Protein backbone atom coordinates (compact mmCIF):
# COMPACT_ATOMS: atom_id res chain seq x y z
CA MET A 1 95.34 139.43 80.76
CA GLY A 2 97.80 137.76 83.14
CA ILE A 3 95.59 134.69 83.40
CA LEU A 4 95.47 134.38 79.62
CA LEU A 5 99.27 134.43 79.45
CA ASP A 6 99.45 131.78 82.18
CA LEU A 7 97.08 129.57 80.20
CA LEU A 8 99.16 130.02 77.06
CA ASN A 9 102.33 129.11 78.97
CA LEU A 10 100.60 126.03 80.36
CA ALA A 11 99.44 125.01 76.88
CA VAL A 12 103.07 125.04 75.73
CA TYR A 13 104.11 122.63 78.51
CA ILE A 14 101.15 120.23 78.34
CA PRO A 15 102.52 118.14 75.44
CA PHE A 16 105.65 117.50 77.50
CA LEU A 17 103.56 116.20 80.40
CA LYS A 18 101.81 113.60 78.27
CA VAL A 19 102.90 110.00 78.49
CA ASP A 20 103.79 108.13 75.31
CA GLU A 21 104.29 104.43 74.63
CA GLU A 22 108.02 104.90 74.32
CA GLY A 23 108.23 106.34 77.84
CA ILE A 24 105.98 103.62 79.21
CA GLY A 25 108.18 100.96 77.60
CA ARG A 26 111.35 102.49 79.03
CA ASN A 27 109.85 102.62 82.50
CA ILE A 28 108.61 99.04 82.29
CA LYS A 29 112.03 97.89 81.14
CA HIS A 30 113.59 99.62 84.13
CA LEU A 31 110.95 98.36 86.56
CA LYS A 32 111.46 94.76 85.41
CA GLN A 33 114.78 94.83 87.26
CA HIS A 34 112.94 95.05 90.58
CA GLU A 35 111.48 92.08 92.41
CA TRP A 36 108.32 93.90 93.49
CA PHE A 37 107.44 94.67 89.84
CA GLN A 38 108.29 91.11 88.77
CA SER A 39 105.71 89.84 91.26
CA TYR A 40 103.04 91.88 89.47
CA LEU A 41 104.15 90.50 86.10
CA ASN A 42 103.99 86.95 87.46
CA ASP A 43 100.35 87.47 88.51
CA GLU A 44 98.27 86.90 85.37
CA LYS A 45 95.51 89.42 86.19
CA TYR A 46 98.01 92.20 86.92
CA ARG A 47 100.20 91.27 83.97
CA GLU A 48 97.24 91.73 81.63
CA LEU A 49 96.49 95.13 83.14
CA ILE A 50 100.14 96.24 82.86
CA ILE A 51 100.27 95.19 79.22
CA HIS A 52 96.83 96.32 78.03
CA ASN A 53 95.11 98.75 80.40
CA LYS A 54 95.43 102.42 79.48
CA ASP A 55 95.12 103.75 83.05
CA VAL A 56 97.74 101.38 84.44
CA ARG A 57 100.12 102.12 81.59
CA GLN A 58 99.62 105.88 82.03
CA CYS A 59 100.49 105.50 85.71
CA ILE A 60 103.70 103.63 84.84
CA GLY A 61 104.59 106.16 82.16
CA LYS A 62 104.34 109.05 84.62
CA PHE A 63 107.08 107.64 86.85
CA ASN A 64 110.27 109.68 86.74
CA ARG A 65 112.84 107.29 85.29
CA ASP A 66 115.73 109.31 86.70
CA LYS A 67 114.44 108.74 90.23
CA LEU A 68 113.55 105.06 89.87
CA ASN A 69 116.91 104.00 91.31
CA LYS A 70 116.10 105.74 94.60
CA GLN A 71 114.57 103.41 97.17
CA SER A 72 112.19 106.05 98.55
CA TYR A 73 110.86 106.95 95.08
CA GLN A 74 110.48 103.28 94.21
CA LYS A 75 108.36 102.78 97.31
CA LYS A 76 106.15 105.68 96.26
CA CYS A 77 105.80 104.24 92.73
CA LYS A 78 105.07 100.78 94.07
CA GLU A 79 102.27 102.13 96.28
CA LYS A 80 100.81 104.20 93.45
CA LEU A 81 100.93 101.31 90.98
CA HIS A 82 99.46 98.93 93.55
CA HIS A 83 96.54 101.30 94.12
CA VAL A 84 95.87 101.72 90.39
CA LEU A 85 96.06 97.96 89.80
CA LEU A 86 93.64 97.22 92.64
CA MET A 87 91.17 99.90 91.59
CA THR A 88 91.29 98.92 87.92
CA ASN A 89 90.93 95.23 88.72
CA LYS A 90 88.01 95.95 91.06
CA GLU A 91 86.33 98.12 88.42
CA LEU A 92 86.72 95.44 85.76
CA ASN A 93 85.36 92.76 88.09
CA ASN A 94 82.32 94.93 88.95
CA ASN A 95 81.62 95.56 85.27
CA ASN A 96 81.86 91.85 84.48
CA TYR A 97 79.53 91.05 87.38
CA TYR A 98 76.79 93.30 86.03
CA ARG A 99 77.11 91.93 82.48
CA LYS A 100 76.14 88.41 83.58
């Protein structure tokens, strides 16, 4: 019975954990103020992923906007975003290779 109640409580919080386009847009707007994020936007392949790729955008949307001013949290976000960009880019390149 206790497990069922825990699942019900979790179900109530899940919608609040989801990322929406509004949150992604706010985070991107905030991140644009930082040089490290600008370098990704200036790279065409990463810019396309930031704008169009669901996984990359979900990653950005999960960042805690209230903590983005903290240098240590920014470093963590930068590393996480870098990893997602590399993995997504690699995956896309592998898929394109096999289509030829």
